[in-house]
Amino acid sequence: MHSEDSGPDPRQPSGPALSGVDLARVALRAAKEQARERGEQVRQKKESKRRGLRSGARADGRDPVPLGAAMRQLITERGWEAPAAVGGVMGRWPQIVGPEIAAHCAPEHYSEESCELSVRCDSTAWATQLRLLAPQLVARLNKELGHGTVKVIKVQGPAGPPRSYGRLRAPGSRGPRDTWG
């Protein structure tokens, strides 16, 4: 059955009867060989069915990507760089303009077509102050966002109370106009 050249069969002990650890080693070696043979057959079948669709040792487009990298890729692919940057500025408004200005003025809207940032102030005095500071704020915002992202800051005063019509209104009155608008 066995030729002299091939050596002893690991599954058939020759010589003294094996027991304990030696017997376990022989059984493990035999099981590994059988599994290797079955694995090669299964692997060959899968590779023939799915040739080129396996992610191996090298990175490809199907590998998992960190969330931050996936978001940056999506923003770049869709061309959302400027709106995303301005959205970040709206969240970091107090750090960019300072806590005193941020306490009285808040960004409301950014128009990408005209590169205009609308800012609402809580009083007409702060609206006037912000109009005077607008060139410095545009420079600071462009430093944060990239050159030319914001060209104009449109400063708006406080929104007046809603006009109420009814029995208790004087005809032709325009409401309080001293600090609104």
N, C-alpha and C. Protein backbone atom coordinates (compact mmCIF):
# COMPACT_ATOMS: atom_id res chain seq x y z
N MET A 1 0.81 -1.18 0.00
CA MET A 1 0.00 0.00 0.00
C MET A 1 0.86 1.24 0.00
N HIS A 2 1.84 1.33 0.83
CA HIS A 2 2.72 2.50 0.89
C HIS A 2 4.02 2.17 0.20
N SER A 3 4.54 3.15 -0.51
CA SER A 3 5.85 2.95 -1.11
C SER A 3 6.91 3.35 -0.10
N GLU A 4 8.08 2.91 -0.31
CA GLU A 4 9.17 3.18 0.60
C GLU A 4 9.55 4.67 0.59
N ASP A 5 9.33 5.37 -0.56
CA ASP A 5 9.76 6.76 -0.71
C ASP A 5 8.85 7.75 0.02
N SER A 6 7.57 7.47 0.08
CA SER A 6 6.63 8.46 0.60
C SER A 6 6.68 8.62 2.10
N GLY A 7 7.21 7.73 2.80
CA GLY A 7 7.31 7.85 4.25
C GLY A 7 6.04 7.32 4.90
N PRO A 8 6.00 7.33 6.19
CA PRO A 8 4.85 6.78 6.88
C PRO A 8 3.62 7.67 6.72
N ASP A 9 2.48 7.04 6.69
CA ASP A 9 1.22 7.75 6.61
C ASP A 9 0.89 8.30 7.99
N PRO A 10 0.64 9.63 8.13
CA PRO A 10 0.41 10.18 9.46
C PRO A 10 -0.89 9.67 10.08
N ARG A 11 -1.80 9.18 9.24
CA ARG A 11 -3.05 8.68 9.78
C ARG A 11 -2.92 7.25 10.31
N GLN A 12 -1.91 6.53 9.84
CA GLN A 12 -1.66 5.16 10.27
C GLN A 12 -0.35 5.11 11.03
N PRO A 13 -0.41 5.05 12.32
CA PRO A 13 0.84 5.03 13.08
C PRO A 13 1.61 3.75 12.84
N SER A 14 2.90 3.94 12.65
CA SER A 14 3.77 2.76 12.52
C SER A 14 4.65 2.72 13.74
N GLY A 15 4.84 1.63 14.24
CA GLY A 15 5.66 1.53 15.43
C GLY A 15 4.77 1.43 16.65
N PRO A 16 5.22 1.98 17.79
CA PRO A 16 4.45 1.82 19.03
C PRO A 16 3.11 2.57 18.92
N ALA A 17 2.14 2.11 19.60
CA ALA A 17 0.81 2.71 19.58
C ALA A 17 0.89 4.12 20.19
N LEU A 18 0.26 5.07 19.49
CA LEU A 18 0.26 6.45 19.96
C LEU A 18 -0.87 6.65 20.96
N SER A 19 -0.63 7.52 21.89
CA SER A 19 -1.67 7.82 22.86
C SER A 19 -1.51 9.26 23.32
N GLY A 20 -2.56 9.84 23.86
CA GLY A 20 -2.50 11.17 24.45
C GLY A 20 -2.21 12.26 23.45
N VAL A 21 -1.18 13.04 23.73
CA VAL A 21 -0.84 14.21 22.93
C VAL A 21 -0.42 13.81 21.53
N ASP A 22 0.34 12.73 21.39
CA ASP A 22 0.79 12.31 20.06
C ASP A 22 -0.39 11.93 19.18
N LEU A 23 -1.36 11.24 19.74
CA LEU A 23 -2.55 10.84 18.99
C LEU A 23 -3.34 12.09 18.56
N ALA A 24 -3.43 13.06 19.42
CA ALA A 24 -4.15 14.30 19.10
C ALA A 24 -3.44 15.06 17.99
N ARG A 25 -2.11 15.08 18.01
CA ARG A 25 -1.36 15.76 16.95
C ARG A 25 -1.60 15.11 15.60
N VAL A 26 -1.59 13.80 15.57
CA VAL A 26 -1.81 13.09 14.31
C VAL A 26 -3.22 13.37 13.80
N ALA A 27 -4.21 13.35 14.68
CA ALA A 27 -5.59 13.60 14.28
C ALA A 27 -5.75 15.03 13.78
N LEU A 28 -5.11 15.98 14.45
CA LEU A 28 -5.19 17.38 14.05
C LEU A 28 -4.55 17.59 12.69
N ARG A 29 -3.39 16.98 12.46
CA ARG A 29 -2.71 17.11 11.18
C ARG A 29 -3.58 16.55 10.06
N ALA A 30 -4.22 15.42 10.29
CA ALA A 30 -5.08 14.81 9.28
C ALA A 30 -6.30 15.71 9.01
N ALA A 31 -6.89 16.27 10.06
CA ALA A 31 -8.04 17.14 9.88
C ALA A 31 -7.67 18.40 9.11
N LYS A 32 -6.48 18.96 9.38
CA LYS A 32 -6.02 20.14 8.65
C LYS A 32 -5.84 19.85 7.18
N GLU A 33 -5.28 18.70 6.86
CA GLU A 33 -5.08 18.33 5.46
C GLU A 33 -6.42 18.18 4.74
N GLN A 34 -7.36 17.53 5.39
CA GLN A 34 -8.67 17.36 4.78
C GLN A 34 -9.37 18.71 4.59
N ALA A 35 -9.27 19.58 5.58
CA ALA A 35 -9.88 20.91 5.48
C ALA A 35 -9.23 21.72 4.38
N ARG A 36 -7.90 21.63 4.27
CA ARG A 36 -7.17 22.35 3.22
C ARG A 36 -7.63 21.89 1.85
N GLU A 37 -7.80 20.59 1.67
CA GLU A 37 -8.26 20.06 0.38
C GLU A 37 -9.68 20.54 0.08
N ARG A 38 -10.56 20.49 1.08
CA ARG A 38 -11.93 20.96 0.87
C ARG A 38 -11.95 22.47 0.62
N GLY A 39 -11.14 23.20 1.37
CA GLY A 39 -11.08 24.66 1.21
C GLY A 39 -10.60 25.06 -0.16
N GLU A 40 -9.62 24.39 -0.69
CA GLU A 40 -9.13 24.70 -2.03
C GLU A 40 -10.24 24.49 -3.05
N GLN A 41 -10.99 23.41 -2.90
CA GLN A 41 -12.07 23.13 -3.84
C GLN A 41 -13.16 24.20 -3.74
N VAL A 42 -13.55 24.57 -2.52
CA VAL A 42 -14.58 25.58 -2.33
C VAL A 42 -14.09 26.93 -2.83
N ARG A 43 -12.85 27.27 -2.53
CA ARG A 43 -12.28 28.55 -2.95
C ARG A 43 -12.24 28.64 -4.48
N GLN A 44 -11.86 27.55 -5.13
CA GLN A 44 -11.80 27.56 -6.59
C GLN A 44 -13.19 27.74 -7.18
N LYS A 45 -14.20 27.13 -6.59
CA LYS A 45 -15.56 27.28 -7.09
C LYS A 45 -16.03 28.72 -6.93
N LYS A 46 -15.78 29.31 -5.76
CA LYS A 46 -16.20 30.69 -5.52
C LYS A 46 -15.48 31.65 -6.44
N GLU A 47 -14.18 31.44 -6.64
CA GLU A 47 -13.42 32.35 -7.51
C GLU A 47 -13.88 32.25 -8.94
N SER A 48 -14.26 31.08 -9.38
CA SER A 48 -14.73 30.95 -10.75
C SER A 48 -16.07 31.65 -10.92
N LYS A 49 -16.93 31.67 -9.86
CA LYS A 49 -18.22 32.34 -9.94
C LYS A 49 -18.07 33.85 -9.80
N ARG A 50 -17.22 34.29 -8.91
CA ARG A 50 -17.12 35.71 -8.56
C ARG A 50 -15.75 36.27 -8.91
N ARG A 51 -15.22 35.96 -10.00
CA ARG A 51 -13.89 36.42 -10.37
C ARG A 51 -13.83 37.95 -10.35
N GLY A 52 -12.93 38.51 -9.58
CA GLY A 52 -12.73 39.95 -9.53
C GLY A 52 -13.65 40.69 -8.57
N LEU A 53 -14.54 40.02 -7.89
CA LEU A 53 -15.47 40.71 -6.99
C LEU A 53 -15.07 40.59 -5.54
N ARG A 54 -13.92 40.03 -5.25
CA ARG A 54 -13.50 39.87 -3.86
C ARG A 54 -12.58 41.01 -3.46
N SER A 55 -12.78 41.48 -2.27
CA SER A 55 -11.88 42.48 -1.71
C SER A 55 -10.77 41.73 -1.00
N GLY A 56 -9.59 41.91 -1.47
CA GLY A 56 -8.47 41.17 -0.90
C GLY A 56 -7.57 42.04 -0.07
N ALA A 57 -6.29 41.81 -0.20
CA ALA A 57 -5.31 42.51 0.62
C ALA A 57 -5.17 43.98 0.20
N ARG A 58 -5.54 44.29 -1.03
CA ARG A 58 -5.41 45.67 -1.50
C ARG A 58 -6.76 46.38 -1.41
N ALA A 59 -6.71 47.68 -1.21
CA ALA A 59 -7.95 48.46 -1.07
C ALA A 59 -8.63 48.58 -2.42
N ASP A 60 -9.95 48.55 -2.38
CA ASP A 60 -10.73 48.82 -3.57
C ASP A 60 -11.96 49.63 -3.16
N GLY A 61 -12.86 49.90 -4.09
CA GLY A 61 -13.99 50.76 -3.82
C GLY A 61 -15.03 50.20 -2.89
N ARG A 62 -14.95 48.92 -2.56
CA ARG A 62 -15.96 48.31 -1.69
C ARG A 62 -15.54 48.26 -0.24
N ASP A 63 -14.34 48.68 0.06
CA ASP A 63 -13.86 48.63 1.44
C ASP A 63 -14.54 49.69 2.28
N PRO A 64 -14.71 49.45 3.57
CA PRO A 64 -15.33 50.47 4.43
C PRO A 64 -14.47 51.73 4.51
N VAL A 65 -15.14 52.86 4.63
CA VAL A 65 -14.48 54.15 4.66
C VAL A 65 -14.93 54.88 5.94
N PRO A 66 -14.03 55.58 6.62
CA PRO A 66 -14.47 56.37 7.79
C PRO A 66 -15.53 57.39 7.40
N LEU A 67 -16.43 57.70 8.32
CA LEU A 67 -17.56 58.58 8.03
C LEU A 67 -17.09 59.96 7.57
N GLY A 68 -16.08 60.51 8.21
CA GLY A 68 -15.59 61.84 7.82
C GLY A 68 -15.08 61.85 6.39
N ALA A 69 -14.35 60.82 6.01
CA ALA A 69 -13.82 60.74 4.64
C ALA A 69 -14.96 60.57 3.63
N ALA A 70 -15.97 59.79 3.99
CA ALA A 70 -17.11 59.60 3.10
C ALA A 70 -17.88 60.92 2.92
N MET A 71 -18.02 61.69 4.00
CA MET A 71 -18.72 62.98 3.90
C MET A 71 -17.92 63.96 3.05
N ARG A 72 -16.60 64.01 3.24
CA ARG A 72 -15.77 64.91 2.42
C ARG A 72 -15.87 64.53 0.95
N GLN A 73 -15.88 63.24 0.64
CA GLN A 73 -15.98 62.78 -0.74
C GLN A 73 -17.34 63.18 -1.33
N LEU A 74 -18.41 63.00 -0.56
CA LEU A 74 -19.74 63.37 -1.03
C LEU A 74 -19.84 64.87 -1.27
N ILE A 75 -19.32 65.68 -0.37
CA ILE A 75 -19.36 67.14 -0.52
C ILE A 75 -18.59 67.55 -1.77
N THR A 76 -17.43 66.95 -2.01
CA THR A 76 -16.63 67.28 -3.18
C THR A 76 -17.33 66.85 -4.46
N GLU A 77 -17.88 65.63 -4.48
CA GLU A 77 -18.54 65.13 -5.68
C GLU A 77 -19.75 65.97 -6.06
N ARG A 78 -20.50 66.44 -5.07
CA ARG A 78 -21.72 67.20 -5.34
C ARG A 78 -21.47 68.69 -5.52
N GLY A 79 -20.25 69.17 -5.23
CA GLY A 79 -19.94 70.59 -5.36
C GLY A 79 -20.52 71.43 -4.25
N TRP A 80 -20.56 70.88 -3.05
CA TRP A 80 -21.15 71.58 -1.90
C TRP A 80 -20.09 72.21 -1.02
N GLU A 81 -18.90 72.49 -1.52
CA GLU A 81 -17.83 73.00 -0.66
C GLU A 81 -18.20 74.34 -0.02
N ALA A 82 -18.65 75.29 -0.84
CA ALA A 82 -18.97 76.62 -0.30
C ALA A 82 -20.15 76.57 0.67
N PRO A 83 -21.28 75.93 0.32
CA PRO A 83 -22.38 75.89 1.29
C PRO A 83 -22.01 75.17 2.58
N ALA A 84 -21.21 74.13 2.48
CA ALA A 84 -20.80 73.41 3.70
C ALA A 84 -19.88 74.29 4.55
N ALA A 85 -18.99 75.02 3.90
CA ALA A 85 -18.10 75.91 4.65
C ALA A 85 -18.88 77.02 5.34
N VAL A 86 -19.86 77.60 4.63
CA VAL A 86 -20.66 78.66 5.22
C VAL A 86 -21.51 78.09 6.36
N GLY A 87 -22.02 76.88 6.19
CA GLY A 87 -22.77 76.24 7.27
C GLY A 87 -21.90 76.06 8.50
N GLY A 88 -20.64 75.74 8.29
CA GLY A 88 -19.71 75.64 9.42
C GLY A 88 -19.48 76.97 10.08
N VAL A 89 -19.47 78.04 9.30
CA VAL A 89 -19.28 79.37 9.86
C VAL A 89 -20.49 79.76 10.70
N MET A 90 -21.66 79.39 10.26
CA MET A 90 -22.86 79.72 11.03
C MET A 90 -22.83 79.03 12.38
N GLY A 91 -22.24 77.85 12.43
CA GLY A 91 -22.11 77.16 13.70
C GLY A 91 -21.00 77.73 14.56
N ARG A 92 -19.97 78.31 13.93
CA ARG A 92 -18.83 78.86 14.67
C ARG A 92 -18.86 80.39 14.69
N TRP A 93 -19.99 80.98 14.51
CA TRP A 93 -20.12 82.44 14.44
C TRP A 93 -19.49 83.16 15.63
N PRO A 94 -19.74 82.72 16.88
CA PRO A 94 -19.11 83.44 18.01
C PRO A 94 -17.58 83.40 17.99
N GLN A 95 -16.99 82.30 17.54
CA GLN A 95 -15.53 82.22 17.49
C GLN A 95 -14.95 83.12 16.39
N ILE A 96 -15.71 83.31 15.31
CA ILE A 96 -15.20 84.09 14.18
C ILE A 96 -15.33 85.59 14.43
N VAL A 97 -16.51 86.03 14.89
CA VAL A 97 -16.73 87.47 15.04
C VAL A 97 -16.49 87.97 16.45
N GLY A 98 -16.40 87.08 17.40
CA GLY A 98 -16.19 87.48 18.78
C GLY A 98 -17.50 87.39 19.57
N PRO A 99 -17.39 87.19 20.87
CA PRO A 99 -18.61 86.98 21.67
C PRO A 99 -19.50 88.21 21.77
N GLU A 100 -18.92 89.41 21.76
CA GLU A 100 -19.74 90.62 21.90
C GLU A 100 -20.63 90.83 20.68
N ILE A 101 -20.06 90.71 19.49
CA ILE A 101 -20.86 90.87 18.27
C ILE A 101 -21.86 89.72 18.14
N ALA A 102 -21.42 88.50 18.45
CA ALA A 102 -22.30 87.34 18.34
C ALA A 102 -23.49 87.42 19.28
N ALA A 103 -23.34 88.13 20.39
CA ALA A 103 -24.45 88.27 21.34
C ALA A 103 -25.56 89.14 20.77
N HIS A 104 -25.25 90.00 19.79
CA HIS A 104 -26.24 90.93 19.26
C HIS A 104 -26.55 90.72 17.78
N CYS A 105 -25.74 89.93 17.07
CA CYS A 105 -25.94 89.71 15.63
C CYS A 105 -25.79 88.23 15.31
N ALA A 106 -26.64 87.74 14.41
CA ALA A 106 -26.58 86.32 14.05
C ALA A 106 -26.75 86.17 12.54
N PRO A 107 -26.00 85.26 11.92
CA PRO A 107 -26.17 85.02 10.48
C PRO A 107 -27.50 84.32 10.22
N GLU A 108 -28.16 84.69 9.13
CA GLU A 108 -29.45 84.10 8.81
C GLU A 108 -29.43 83.29 7.53
N HIS A 109 -28.79 83.83 6.49
CA HIS A 109 -28.89 83.18 5.18
C HIS A 109 -27.64 83.50 4.36
N TYR A 110 -27.25 82.51 3.54
CA TYR A 110 -26.13 82.72 2.62
C TYR A 110 -26.61 82.45 1.21
N SER A 111 -26.40 83.38 0.31
CA SER A 111 -26.76 83.21 -1.10
C SER A 111 -25.49 82.89 -1.88
N GLU A 112 -25.44 81.69 -2.42
CA GLU A 112 -24.24 81.25 -3.14
C GLU A 112 -24.08 81.99 -4.47
N GLU A 113 -25.19 82.35 -5.10
CA GLU A 113 -25.12 83.04 -6.40
C GLU A 113 -24.47 84.41 -6.27
N SER A 114 -24.89 85.17 -5.24
CA SER A 114 -24.36 86.53 -5.08
C SER A 114 -23.25 86.61 -4.03
N CYS A 115 -22.91 85.47 -3.41
CA CYS A 115 -21.88 85.43 -2.36
C CYS A 115 -22.21 86.43 -1.24
N GLU A 116 -23.47 86.45 -0.85
CA GLU A 116 -23.96 87.42 0.12
C GLU A 116 -24.40 86.70 1.40
N LEU A 117 -23.94 87.19 2.53
CA LEU A 117 -24.31 86.66 3.84
C LEU A 117 -25.24 87.66 4.51
N SER A 118 -26.46 87.20 4.86
CA SER A 118 -27.42 88.06 5.55
C SER A 118 -27.25 87.88 7.05
N VAL A 119 -27.14 89.00 7.76
CA VAL A 119 -26.96 88.98 9.21
C VAL A 119 -28.05 89.84 9.83
N ARG A 120 -28.72 89.31 10.85
CA ARG A 120 -29.78 90.04 11.56
C ARG A 120 -29.24 90.51 12.90
N CYS A 121 -29.46 91.79 13.21
CA CYS A 121 -29.02 92.37 14.49
C CYS A 121 -30.23 92.60 15.38
N ASP A 122 -30.01 92.65 16.70
CA ASP A 122 -31.13 92.79 17.62
C ASP A 122 -31.52 94.25 17.89
N SER A 123 -30.77 95.20 17.37
CA SER A 123 -31.16 96.61 17.49
C SER A 123 -30.59 97.39 16.32
N THR A 124 -31.16 98.56 16.09
CA THR A 124 -30.66 99.39 14.98
C THR A 124 -29.26 99.90 15.27
N ALA A 125 -28.92 100.09 16.53
CA ALA A 125 -27.57 100.54 16.87
C ALA A 125 -26.53 99.48 16.48
N TRP A 126 -26.84 98.22 16.77
CA TRP A 126 -25.91 97.16 16.39
C TRP A 126 -25.87 96.95 14.88
N ALA A 127 -26.99 97.18 14.22
CA ALA A 127 -27.00 97.08 12.75
C ALA A 127 -26.07 98.14 12.15
N THR A 128 -26.12 99.35 12.69
CA THR A 128 -25.23 100.42 12.22
C THR A 128 -23.77 100.06 12.51
N GLN A 129 -23.51 99.57 13.70
CA GLN A 129 -22.14 99.18 14.07
C GLN A 129 -21.62 98.07 13.15
N LEU A 130 -22.48 97.08 12.86
CA LEU A 130 -22.04 95.98 12.00
C LEU A 130 -21.82 96.45 10.56
N ARG A 131 -22.59 97.41 10.10
CA ARG A 131 -22.36 97.96 8.75
C ARG A 131 -20.98 98.61 8.67
N LEU A 132 -20.56 99.24 9.76
CA LEU A 132 -19.23 99.85 9.78
C LEU A 132 -18.12 98.79 9.84
N LEU A 133 -18.41 97.65 10.50
CA LEU A 133 -17.41 96.58 10.62
C LEU A 133 -17.45 95.59 9.46
N ALA A 134 -18.38 95.76 8.53
CA ALA A 134 -18.58 94.79 7.46
C ALA A 134 -17.30 94.48 6.66
N PRO A 135 -16.49 95.45 6.25
CA PRO A 135 -15.28 95.11 5.49
C PRO A 135 -14.31 94.20 6.27
N GLN A 136 -14.15 94.47 7.57
CA GLN A 136 -13.27 93.61 8.38
C GLN A 136 -13.86 92.20 8.52
N LEU A 137 -15.19 92.12 8.68
CA LEU A 137 -15.83 90.81 8.81
C LEU A 137 -15.74 90.01 7.51
N VAL A 138 -15.89 90.69 6.37
CA VAL A 138 -15.75 90.00 5.07
C VAL A 138 -14.35 89.44 4.94
N ALA A 139 -13.35 90.22 5.32
CA ALA A 139 -11.97 89.74 5.24
C ALA A 139 -11.75 88.54 6.17
N ARG A 140 -12.29 88.62 7.39
CA ARG A 140 -12.13 87.52 8.34
C ARG A 140 -12.85 86.26 7.87
N LEU A 141 -14.06 86.42 7.32
CA LEU A 141 -14.81 85.27 6.82
C LEU A 141 -14.11 84.63 5.62
N ASN A 142 -13.57 85.45 4.72
CA ASN A 142 -12.86 84.90 3.56
C ASN A 142 -11.57 84.20 3.98
N LYS A 143 -10.97 84.67 5.06
CA LYS A 143 -9.78 83.99 5.58
C LYS A 143 -10.15 82.60 6.09
N GLU A 144 -11.33 82.49 6.72
CA GLU A 144 -11.79 81.20 7.24
C GLU A 144 -12.29 80.28 6.13
N LEU A 145 -13.02 80.84 5.14
CA LEU A 145 -13.71 80.03 4.14
C LEU A 145 -12.96 79.87 2.82
N GLY A 146 -12.10 80.77 2.53
CA GLY A 146 -11.45 80.77 1.22
C GLY A 146 -11.80 82.07 0.51
N HIS A 147 -10.88 82.56 -0.28
CA HIS A 147 -11.02 83.86 -0.93
C HIS A 147 -12.25 83.91 -1.83
N GLY A 148 -13.05 84.96 -1.67
CA GLY A 148 -14.20 85.18 -2.55
C GLY A 148 -15.47 84.46 -2.15
N THR A 149 -15.47 83.75 -1.03
CA THR A 149 -16.68 83.04 -0.63
C THR A 149 -17.76 84.02 -0.19
N VAL A 150 -17.39 85.03 0.57
CA VAL A 150 -18.34 86.07 0.98
C VAL A 150 -17.84 87.40 0.42
N LYS A 151 -18.68 88.05 -0.40
CA LYS A 151 -18.31 89.34 -0.96
C LYS A 151 -19.04 90.48 -0.28
N VAL A 152 -20.26 90.21 0.18
CA VAL A 152 -21.09 91.26 0.77
C VAL A 152 -21.75 90.72 2.02
N ILE A 153 -21.80 91.56 3.04
CA ILE A 153 -22.60 91.23 4.23
C ILE A 153 -23.80 92.17 4.22
N LYS A 154 -24.98 91.57 4.13
CA LYS A 154 -26.22 92.35 4.14
C LYS A 154 -26.70 92.41 5.59
N VAL A 155 -26.65 93.57 6.18
CA VAL A 155 -27.01 93.75 7.59
C VAL A 155 -28.47 94.18 7.67
N GLN A 156 -29.23 93.46 8.49
CA GLN A 156 -30.64 93.75 8.69
C GLN A 156 -30.87 94.10 10.15
N GLY A 157 -31.72 95.08 10.36
CA GLY A 157 -32.08 95.46 11.73
C GLY A 157 -33.06 94.46 12.30
N PRO A 158 -33.52 94.74 13.49
CA PRO A 158 -34.45 93.81 14.13
C PRO A 158 -35.78 93.77 13.39
N ALA A 159 -36.40 92.63 13.43
CA ALA A 159 -37.72 92.49 12.82
C ALA A 159 -38.73 93.13 13.78
N GLY A 160 -39.59 93.94 13.25
CA GLY A 160 -40.59 94.60 14.07
C GLY A 160 -41.66 93.62 14.51
N PRO A 161 -42.44 94.02 15.48
CA PRO A 161 -43.52 93.14 15.89
C PRO A 161 -44.53 93.02 14.76
N PRO A 162 -45.24 91.93 14.72
CA PRO A 162 -46.22 91.78 13.63
C PRO A 162 -47.31 92.84 13.74
N ARG A 163 -47.71 93.34 12.61
CA ARG A 163 -48.77 94.34 12.62
C ARG A 163 -50.07 93.66 12.94
N SER A 164 -50.74 94.21 13.89
CA SER A 164 -52.03 93.62 14.25
C SER A 164 -53.12 94.61 13.88
N TYR A 165 -54.08 94.10 13.20
CA TYR A 165 -55.22 94.92 12.81
C TYR A 165 -56.38 94.54 13.72
N GLY A 166 -57.16 95.49 14.12
CA GLY A 166 -58.30 95.18 14.98
C GLY A 166 -58.96 96.43 15.50
N ARG A 167 -59.84 96.25 16.44
CA ARG A 167 -60.65 97.35 16.97
C ARG A 167 -59.80 98.38 17.70
N LEU A 168 -58.74 97.94 18.35
CA LEU A 168 -58.01 98.84 19.21
C LEU A 168 -56.84 99.54 18.52
N ARG A 169 -56.81 99.54 17.21
CA ARG A 169 -55.74 100.20 16.46
C ARG A 169 -56.23 101.55 15.97
N ALA A 170 -55.36 102.53 16.02
CA ALA A 170 -55.71 103.85 15.47
C ALA A 170 -55.61 103.77 13.96
N PRO A 171 -56.56 104.28 13.25
CA PRO A 171 -56.50 104.21 11.79
C PRO A 171 -55.29 104.98 11.25
N GLY A 172 -54.57 104.34 10.33
CA GLY A 172 -53.42 104.97 9.71
C GLY A 172 -52.13 104.92 10.51
N SER A 173 -52.16 104.30 11.70
CA SER A 173 -50.93 104.25 12.49
C SER A 173 -49.99 103.21 11.90
N ARG A 174 -48.69 103.44 12.05
CA ARG A 174 -47.69 102.53 11.49
C ARG A 174 -46.99 101.75 12.59
N GLY A 175 -47.41 101.88 13.80
CA GLY A 175 -46.82 101.12 14.90
C GLY A 175 -45.56 101.77 15.42
N PRO A 176 -44.87 101.13 16.34
CA PRO A 176 -43.65 101.72 16.92
C PRO A 176 -42.53 101.72 15.89
N ARG A 177 -41.95 102.89 15.66
CA ARG A 177 -40.89 103.01 14.66
C ARG A 177 -39.58 103.53 15.24
N ASP A 178 -39.47 103.71 16.50
CA ASP A 178 -38.25 104.31 17.05
C ASP A 178 -37.09 103.35 17.08
N THR A 179 -37.27 102.07 17.39
CA THR A 179 -36.12 101.13 17.45
C THR A 179 -36.27 99.99 16.46
N TRP A 180 -37.26 100.01 15.62
CA TRP A 180 -37.47 98.90 14.71
C TRP A 180 -37.15 99.32 13.28
N GLY A 181 -36.39 98.48 12.61
CA GLY A 181 -36.22 98.62 11.21
C GLY A 181 -35.08 99.32 10.70
